[in-house]
Amino acid sequence: MSAHGGGKDGQSHGATVQLDDQRSSGGSVMIETLRTKKASTLYLLTDEFDVLAEWKLSANVRRGSHSIELRRSLTARQEITALLIERPGTLAAGDVATVSLGDADSTLTVRDQSGTGALVDISQLRTDVDASLFVFDATGRQIGGSGVRFVGGTEIDSLTVPLESPLEGSQSVRVVLYESNGGPIAETTAFLRVEDAGPATLTVEEQTSDGSSIDVSHLWTAVDSSLFVFDESGDVVGGSGVTFDAGDEVTDRSVDLDESLESTQEVTVTLYESNGGPIATETATVEVSDGGSASITFDDQTSDGTTVEIASLRTPVDSSLFVFDEADTVIGGSGVTFDAGDEVTDRSVDLDESLDSTQDVTVTLYESNGGPIAEATASVTVE
């Protein structure tokens, strides 16, 4: 059988899994953020792609910090991969983090504050191990803390940390204390109100889209407001019904467009006070890509269960390959990547988990850091 990619329509805007570096007793792993758009399965994998946990989820799940019990306990520091797979086999989101064993005794307190946006005040810090401090803005970009290090046993009641990239608008910041050469041992979030910065903050970054939506990196508003999206001609193409209440703050918000963009162009996103004028605006280039003419030919075949054969594959963009069994479990493709313009034939792909029986197998090609661009399913007879 063969399949041709129809663009990035399969990409699940809004699906998210966030897995931070952390400490654990070894029997569980903490997921920081989890959002699904469709019925999905979350897998936690070791660096050798052994499955540590499998969690089936319904559509539209939204969770904050959540502990997941592992099938077997970790016995050493380990890099863990989280994959959120939408049924019947689309990679919706993923993340990688290091899990260290044992506990560290630490305290970090940062209160909501106002100022110029160039500093953040730490109210209290204590650590019994050597550690470093980092500050991140609402989009997750590091903006301060480089070179701020502490030796084990440090106790501080007040500390001012200069930001290397001053904030231009009011927003929540995340302050994290990392063990030296390890994961986070304490973290907190506080709201920094930037004086004279206006009643709203809006960040829209340059991005690639299939033309049906755009992503807003960060938005905060002090007043009830509405969002509108304008194309390069100044016509409204999206935002209808997208409203925010006073005090709302969102990150990585996907906004569906009422009229799809047909070409790469500059798009303007403007936040209006309800029944009033504009209070924040951002312009960014949106590259419209349909994923090109990516294709996979994957024929019915006989195998010993350890490999599958790709008859042909073509990709116009950097991409990665994943193999799924009939239960939608990732069983192969680890490290199988292709450069833009690659065309291959008769490619053998080793499976991380051998097939034990004859079944339908799906091979999916994903744009690097993006959604699926081609997919094919074939029957694999195991002998």
Protein backbone atom coordinates (compact mmCIF):
# COMPACT_ATOMS: atom_id res chain seq x y z
CA MET A 1 0.00 0.00 0.00
CA SER A 2 1.08 3.60 -0.40
CA ALA A 3 0.05 6.90 1.08
CA HIS A 4 0.77 10.50 0.21
CA GLY A 5 1.01 13.30 2.74
CA GLY A 6 -1.69 15.89 2.46
CA GLY A 7 0.07 18.62 4.38
CA LYS A 8 0.09 19.14 8.11
CA ASP A 9 -3.64 18.66 8.59
CA GLY A 10 -2.84 15.77 10.93
CA GLN A 11 -0.91 17.98 13.30
CA SER A 12 -2.74 18.35 16.57
CA HIS A 13 -2.66 22.02 17.47
CA GLY A 14 -3.22 22.28 21.20
CA ALA A 15 -1.91 18.82 22.18
CA THR A 16 0.94 19.20 24.68
CA VAL A 17 3.08 17.10 26.98
CA GLN A 18 5.71 18.73 29.19
CA LEU A 19 8.22 16.59 31.05
CA ASP A 20 10.83 18.52 33.08
CA ASP A 21 14.12 17.31 34.53
CA GLN A 22 13.27 16.07 38.01
CA ARG A 23 14.09 13.97 41.05
CA SER A 24 12.13 10.83 41.85
CA SER A 25 12.09 7.89 44.22
CA GLY A 26 12.29 5.81 41.04
CA GLY A 27 8.75 4.49 41.03
CA SER A 28 7.03 7.41 39.33
CA VAL A 29 7.58 10.35 36.98
CA MET A 30 5.92 13.77 37.18
CA ILE A 31 4.28 15.21 34.05
CA GLU A 32 4.11 19.01 34.33
CA THR A 33 1.54 19.72 31.61
CA LEU A 34 -0.69 17.43 29.58
CA ARG A 35 -3.32 18.42 27.03
CA THR A 36 -5.07 16.26 24.45
CA LYS A 37 -7.27 17.28 21.57
CA LYS A 38 -8.25 13.76 20.51
CA ALA A 39 -8.33 10.36 22.21
CA SER A 40 -4.66 9.57 22.81
CA THR A 41 -2.16 7.32 24.57
CA LEU A 42 0.77 8.67 26.58
CA TYR A 43 3.93 6.56 26.59
CA LEU A 44 6.95 7.01 28.85
CA LEU A 45 10.05 5.41 27.34
CA THR A 46 13.65 4.85 28.44
CA ASP A 47 16.57 5.96 26.27
CA GLU A 48 16.51 2.40 24.91
CA PHE A 49 12.79 2.81 24.11
CA ASP A 50 11.59 0.35 26.76
CA VAL A 51 8.02 1.26 27.74
CA LEU A 52 7.88 2.39 31.39
CA ALA A 53 4.26 3.55 31.39
CA GLU A 54 1.23 3.61 29.11
CA TRP A 55 -1.79 5.80 29.83
CA LYS A 56 -4.88 5.92 27.62
CA LEU A 57 -6.58 9.33 27.57
CA SER A 58 -9.85 10.67 26.26
CA ALA A 59 -10.18 13.77 24.09
CA ASN A 60 -9.81 17.28 25.56
CA VAL A 61 -7.93 16.25 28.70
CA ARG A 62 -6.20 19.13 30.51
CA ARG A 63 -3.95 18.41 33.47
CA GLY A 64 -1.30 20.24 35.40
CA SER A 65 1.32 18.41 37.44
CA HIS A 66 0.46 14.72 37.54
CA SER A 67 2.42 11.74 38.87
CA ILE A 68 2.52 8.59 36.72
CA GLU A 69 3.44 5.25 38.26
CA LEU A 70 6.05 3.25 36.32
CA ARG A 71 5.80 -0.45 35.40
CA ARG A 72 9.25 -0.95 36.89
CA SER A 73 11.24 1.33 39.16
CA LEU A 74 14.26 3.23 37.91
CA THR A 75 17.53 2.12 39.50
CA ALA A 76 19.75 4.87 38.10
CA ARG A 77 19.57 8.33 36.62
CA GLN A 78 17.74 8.01 33.31
CA GLU A 79 16.68 10.07 30.31
CA ILE A 80 12.93 9.61 29.84
CA THR A 81 10.95 10.33 26.66
CA ALA A 82 7.24 11.16 26.76
CA LEU A 83 5.25 10.56 23.55
CA LEU A 84 1.60 11.55 23.18
CA ILE A 85 0.14 9.44 20.37
CA GLU A 86 -3.29 10.23 18.98
CA ARG A 87 -5.25 7.21 17.86
CA PRO A 88 -4.78 5.60 15.39
CA GLY A 89 -1.09 6.49 15.46
CA THR A 90 -0.37 10.20 15.04
CA LEU A 91 2.41 11.73 17.11
CA ALA A 92 0.72 14.74 18.72
CA ALA A 93 3.45 15.89 21.13
CA GLY A 94 6.62 14.76 22.86
CA ASP A 95 9.25 15.79 25.36
CA VAL A 96 12.47 14.48 26.92
CA ALA A 97 13.83 14.97 30.45
CA THR A 98 16.36 13.54 32.88
CA VAL A 99 15.06 11.82 36.03
CA SER A 100 17.51 11.69 38.96
CA LEU A 101 16.99 9.51 42.03
CA GLY A 102 16.74 10.71 45.62
CA ASP A 103 15.64 13.95 47.25
CA ALA A 104 17.30 17.33 47.71
CA ASP A 105 16.28 19.71 50.50
CA SER A 106 15.64 23.15 49.05
CA THR A 107 13.31 26.15 49.32
CA LEU A 108 12.56 28.88 46.79
CA THR A 109 10.06 31.72 47.29
CA VAL A 110 9.31 34.46 44.76
CA ARG A 111 6.31 36.77 45.27
CA ASP A 112 4.25 38.67 42.69
CA GLN A 113 5.91 42.03 42.13
CA SER A 114 6.10 45.14 39.97
CA GLY A 115 9.08 46.99 38.56
CA THR A 116 10.94 47.98 35.43
CA GLY A 117 11.10 44.43 34.08
CA ALA A 118 14.90 44.33 34.40
CA LEU A 119 15.06 42.56 37.79
CA VAL A 120 13.33 39.82 39.75
CA ASP A 121 13.39 39.74 43.55
CA ILE A 122 13.84 36.38 45.31
CA SER A 123 12.23 36.41 48.78
CA GLN A 124 13.86 33.24 50.11
CA LEU A 125 16.29 30.61 48.86
CA ARG A 126 17.79 27.62 50.62
CA THR A 127 19.66 24.63 49.19
CA ASP A 128 21.62 21.78 50.74
CA VAL A 129 23.37 20.94 47.44
CA ASP A 130 25.36 22.96 44.91
CA ALA A 131 22.82 24.62 42.64
CA SER A 132 22.19 27.21 39.92
CA LEU A 133 19.28 29.61 39.43
CA PHE A 134 17.51 30.34 36.15
CA VAL A 135 14.61 32.64 35.23
CA PHE A 136 12.25 31.93 32.30
CA ASP A 137 9.62 34.16 30.72
CA ALA A 138 6.05 33.08 29.99
CA THR A 139 7.07 31.47 26.68
CA GLY A 140 9.76 29.36 28.36
CA ARG A 141 12.69 31.45 27.10
CA GLN A 142 15.56 31.84 29.56
CA ILE A 143 15.89 35.51 30.47
CA GLY A 144 18.08 35.51 33.57
CA GLY A 145 20.14 33.64 36.12
CA SER A 146 23.21 32.77 34.04
CA GLY A 147 26.12 32.60 36.45
CA VAL A 148 23.95 32.72 39.60
CA ARG A 149 25.29 29.73 41.53
CA PHE A 150 25.09 28.59 45.14
CA VAL A 151 27.08 26.12 47.22
CA GLY A 152 25.39 23.51 49.37
CA GLY A 153 24.21 24.95 52.68
CA THR A 154 23.35 28.40 51.27
CA GLU A 155 20.45 30.25 52.97
CA ILE A 156 19.37 33.67 51.63
CA ASP A 157 16.39 35.76 52.76
CA SER A 158 16.54 38.34 49.97
CA LEU A 159 18.21 38.35 46.56
CA THR A 160 17.83 40.51 43.45
CA VAL A 161 18.57 38.80 40.14
CA PRO A 162 19.16 41.00 37.07
CA LEU A 163 17.53 39.79 33.86
CA GLU A 164 19.74 39.45 30.81
CA SER A 165 16.68 40.03 28.62
CA PRO A 166 14.43 42.60 30.36
CA LEU A 167 10.70 42.01 30.09
CA GLU A 168 8.87 44.35 27.74
CA GLY A 169 5.43 43.43 29.05
CA SER A 170 3.77 42.14 32.21
CA GLN A 171 3.71 38.35 32.52
CA SER A 172 4.31 35.32 34.71
CA VAL A 173 7.90 34.19 35.08
CA ARG A 174 9.19 30.84 36.26
CA VAL A 175 12.19 30.74 38.60
CA VAL A 176 13.93 27.37 38.86
CA LEU A 177 16.74 26.15 41.10
CA TYR A 178 18.72 23.35 39.43
CA GLU A 179 21.08 20.99 41.15
CA SER A 180 24.53 21.38 39.58
CA ASN A 181 24.73 18.87 36.72
CA GLY A 182 21.22 17.70 37.57
CA GLY A 183 17.54 18.52 37.35
CA PRO A 184 15.35 21.05 39.16
CA ILE A 185 15.15 20.83 42.94
CA ALA A 186 12.84 23.80 43.51
CA GLU A 187 10.77 26.09 41.34
CA THR A 188 8.05 28.69 41.60
CA THR A 189 6.05 31.05 39.42
CA ALA A 190 5.34 34.72 40.08
CA PHE A 191 3.68 37.52 38.14
CA LEU A 192 5.89 40.49 37.22
CA ARG A 193 3.95 43.62 36.40
CA VAL A 194 6.09 45.89 34.26
CA GLU A 195 5.43 49.52 35.11
CA ASP A 196 4.30 51.73 32.20
CA ALA A 197 4.02 48.67 29.93
CA GLY A 198 0.33 49.08 29.18
CA PRO A 199 -2.71 46.95 30.01
CA ALA A 200 -1.74 43.92 27.89
CA THR A 201 1.19 41.83 26.67
CA LEU A 202 1.17 39.96 23.37
CA THR A 203 3.88 37.79 21.78
CA VAL A 204 3.53 36.20 18.34
CA GLU A 205 6.66 34.62 16.86
CA GLU A 206 7.58 33.76 13.29
CA GLN A 207 6.17 30.32 12.54
CA THR A 208 5.24 27.69 9.99
CA SER A 209 1.58 26.80 9.56
CA ASP A 210 -0.67 24.87 7.21
CA GLY A 211 -2.56 28.15 6.82
CA SER A 212 -5.58 27.18 8.89
CA SER A 213 -4.33 28.54 12.22
CA ILE A 214 -1.61 30.58 13.89
CA ASP A 215 0.01 30.23 17.31
CA VAL A 216 0.10 33.00 19.91
CA SER A 217 3.16 32.42 22.11
CA HIS A 218 1.96 34.51 25.07
CA LEU A 219 -0.90 36.81 25.98
CA TRP A 220 -1.83 38.64 29.17
CA THR A 221 -4.56 41.23 29.57
CA ALA A 222 -5.60 43.38 32.51
CA VAL A 223 -8.99 44.09 30.94
CA ASP A 224 -11.72 42.16 29.11
CA SER A 225 -10.55 41.93 25.52
CA SER A 226 -10.95 40.33 22.08
CA LEU A 227 -8.38 39.07 19.58
CA PHE A 228 -8.34 39.61 15.83
CA VAL A 229 -5.97 38.35 13.12
CA PHE A 230 -5.28 40.37 9.95
CA ASP A 231 -3.57 39.21 6.76
CA GLU A 232 -1.02 41.33 4.88
CA SER A 233 -3.86 43.12 3.05
CA GLY A 234 -5.39 44.22 6.34
CA ASP A 235 -8.39 41.91 6.05
CA VAL A 236 -9.66 40.13 9.17
CA VAL A 237 -8.95 36.41 8.72
CA GLY A 238 -9.36 35.07 12.25
CA GLY A 239 -10.12 35.60 15.90
CA SER A 240 -13.91 35.65 15.71
CA GLY A 241 -15.18 34.76 19.15
CA VAL A 242 -11.71 34.65 20.75
CA THR A 243 -12.18 36.66 23.94
CA PHE A 244 -10.32 36.97 27.22
CA ASP A 245 -11.35 38.05 30.69
CA ALA A 246 -9.44 40.60 32.73
CA GLY A 247 -6.41 38.91 34.31
CA ASP A 248 -6.24 36.07 31.78
CA GLU A 249 -2.81 34.81 30.79
CA VAL A 250 -2.27 32.12 28.14
CA THR A 251 0.74 30.57 26.41
CA ASP A 252 1.00 28.59 23.17
CA ARG A 253 -2.58 29.35 22.17
CA SER A 254 -3.60 28.11 18.72
CA VAL A 255 -6.07 30.45 16.97
CA ASP A 256 -8.13 29.00 14.14
CA LEU A 257 -8.47 31.23 11.08
CA ASP A 258 -11.86 31.89 9.49
CA GLU A 259 -10.11 32.25 6.13
CA SER A 260 -7.03 30.11 5.52
CA LEU A 261 -3.78 31.73 4.43
CA GLU A 262 -2.79 30.58 0.97
CA SER A 263 0.76 31.93 0.93
CA THR A 264 3.60 32.98 3.22
CA GLN A 265 3.01 36.51 4.52
CA GLU A 266 3.16 38.91 7.44
CA VAL A 267 0.20 38.52 9.76
CA THR A 268 -0.86 41.06 12.38
CA VAL A 269 -2.49 39.97 15.64
CA THR A 270 -4.24 42.70 17.62
CA LEU A 271 -5.85 42.59 21.05
CA TYR A 272 -8.73 45.04 21.53
CA GLU A 273 -10.27 46.12 24.80
CA SER A 274 -13.90 45.02 24.80
CA ASN A 275 -15.94 47.89 23.34
CA GLY A 276 -12.71 49.84 22.96
CA GLY A 277 -9.58 50.28 20.90
CA PRO A 278 -6.39 48.23 20.45
CA ILE A 279 -4.26 47.60 23.54
CA ALA A 280 -1.55 45.34 22.06
CA THR A 281 -0.46 44.31 18.58
CA GLU A 282 2.20 42.03 17.09
CA THR A 283 3.26 41.30 13.51
CA ALA A 284 5.02 38.09 12.49
CA THR A 285 5.82 36.21 9.32
CA VAL A 286 3.77 33.04 8.88
CA GLU A 287 5.31 30.58 6.45
CA VAL A 288 2.55 28.56 4.84
CA SER A 289 3.66 25.02 4.05
CA ASP A 290 1.62 22.05 2.94
CA GLY A 291 4.42 19.62 3.67
CA GLY A 292 5.19 19.33 -0.03
CA SER A 293 4.91 16.05 -1.85
CA ALA A 294 6.06 13.74 0.92
CA SER A 295 5.12 10.12 0.23
CA ILE A 296 5.65 6.60 1.53
CA THR A 297 5.15 3.31 -0.31
CA PHE A 298 4.81 0.50 2.23
CA ASP A 299 3.67 -2.82 0.76
CA ASP A 300 2.23 -5.95 2.36
CA GLN A 301 5.21 -8.14 3.26
CA THR A 302 6.64 -11.11 5.13
CA SER A 303 9.13 -10.53 7.96
CA ASP A 304 10.85 -12.35 10.82
CA GLY A 305 9.34 -9.66 13.07
CA THR A 306 12.53 -7.69 13.64
CA THR A 307 12.37 -5.37 10.60
CA VAL A 308 9.98 -3.88 8.07
CA GLU A 309 10.76 -2.80 4.51
CA ILE A 310 9.88 0.62 3.08
CA ALA A 311 9.52 0.29 -0.70
CA SER A 312 10.03 4.01 -1.31
CA LEU A 313 10.01 7.29 0.58
CA ARG A 314 10.28 10.93 -0.45
CA THR A 315 10.35 14.04 1.75
CA PRO A 316 10.78 17.73 0.85
CA VAL A 317 11.56 18.66 4.48
CA ASP A 318 13.70 17.34 7.36
CA SER A 319 11.69 14.51 8.86
CA SER A 320 11.61 11.48 11.18
CA LEU A 321 10.05 8.05 10.78
CA PHE A 322 8.03 6.07 13.33
CA VAL A 323 6.57 2.55 13.10
CA PHE A 324 3.37 1.60 14.98
CA ASP A 325 1.87 -1.84 15.61
CA GLU A 326 -1.87 -2.56 15.43
CA ALA A 327 -2.25 -1.41 19.06
CA ASP A 328 -0.84 2.03 18.08
CA THR A 329 2.33 1.41 20.09
CA VAL A 330 5.60 2.83 18.76
CA ILE A 331 7.75 -0.20 17.91
CA GLY A 332 10.39 1.21 15.57
CA GLY A 333 11.98 4.14 13.82
CA SER A 334 14.15 5.38 16.70
CA GLY A 335 16.79 7.61 15.18
CA VAL A 336 15.56 7.12 11.59
CA THR A 337 15.69 10.63 10.14
CA PHE A 338 15.78 12.10 6.65
CA ASP A 339 17.04 15.38 5.25
CA ALA A 340 14.96 17.67 3.06
CA GLY A 341 14.96 16.34 -0.50
CA ASP A 342 15.80 12.74 0.43
CA GLU A 343 14.41 9.96 -1.76
CA VAL A 344 15.05 6.36 -0.73
CA THR A 345 13.99 2.94 -1.99
CA ASP A 346 13.98 -0.51 -0.40
CA ARG A 347 14.86 0.83 3.04
CA SER A 348 14.93 -1.70 5.89
CA VAL A 349 13.88 -0.31 9.29
CA ASP A 350 14.86 -2.16 12.47
CA LEU A 351 12.12 -2.55 15.07
CA ASP A 352 12.80 -1.71 18.72
CA GLU A 353 10.13 -4.23 19.72
CA SER A 354 9.77 -7.35 17.57
CA LEU A 355 6.41 -8.33 16.14
CA ASP A 356 5.14 -11.61 17.59
CA SER A 357 2.27 -12.13 15.18
CA THR A 358 0.92 -11.15 11.77
CA GLN A 359 -0.76 -7.74 11.92
CA ASP A 360 -1.31 -4.37 10.25
CA VAL A 361 1.64 -2.03 10.76
CA THR A 362 1.58 1.74 10.16
CA VAL A 363 4.60 3.77 9.08
CA THR A 364 4.35 7.54 9.59
CA LEU A 365 6.72 10.28 8.45
CA TYR A 366 6.77 13.41 10.64
CA GLU A 367 8.18 16.80 9.75
CA SER A 368 10.94 17.60 12.27
CA ASN A 369 9.29 19.44 15.18
CA GLY A 370 5.99 19.20 13.33
CA GLY A 371 3.12 16.92 12.42
CA PRO A 372 2.72 13.96 10.07
CA ILE A 373 3.31 14.55 6.36
CA ALA A 374 2.89 11.01 5.01
CA GLU A 375 1.56 7.69 6.28
CA ALA A 376 0.99 4.16 5.01
CA THR A 377 -0.37 0.93 6.48
CA ALA A 378 0.41 -2.62 5.34
CA SER A 379 -0.07 -6.17 6.55
CA VAL A 380 3.15 -7.71 7.90
CA THR A 381 3.14 -11.52 8.00
CA VAL A 382 5.47 -12.81 10.71
CA GLU A 383 7.19 -16.12 10.00
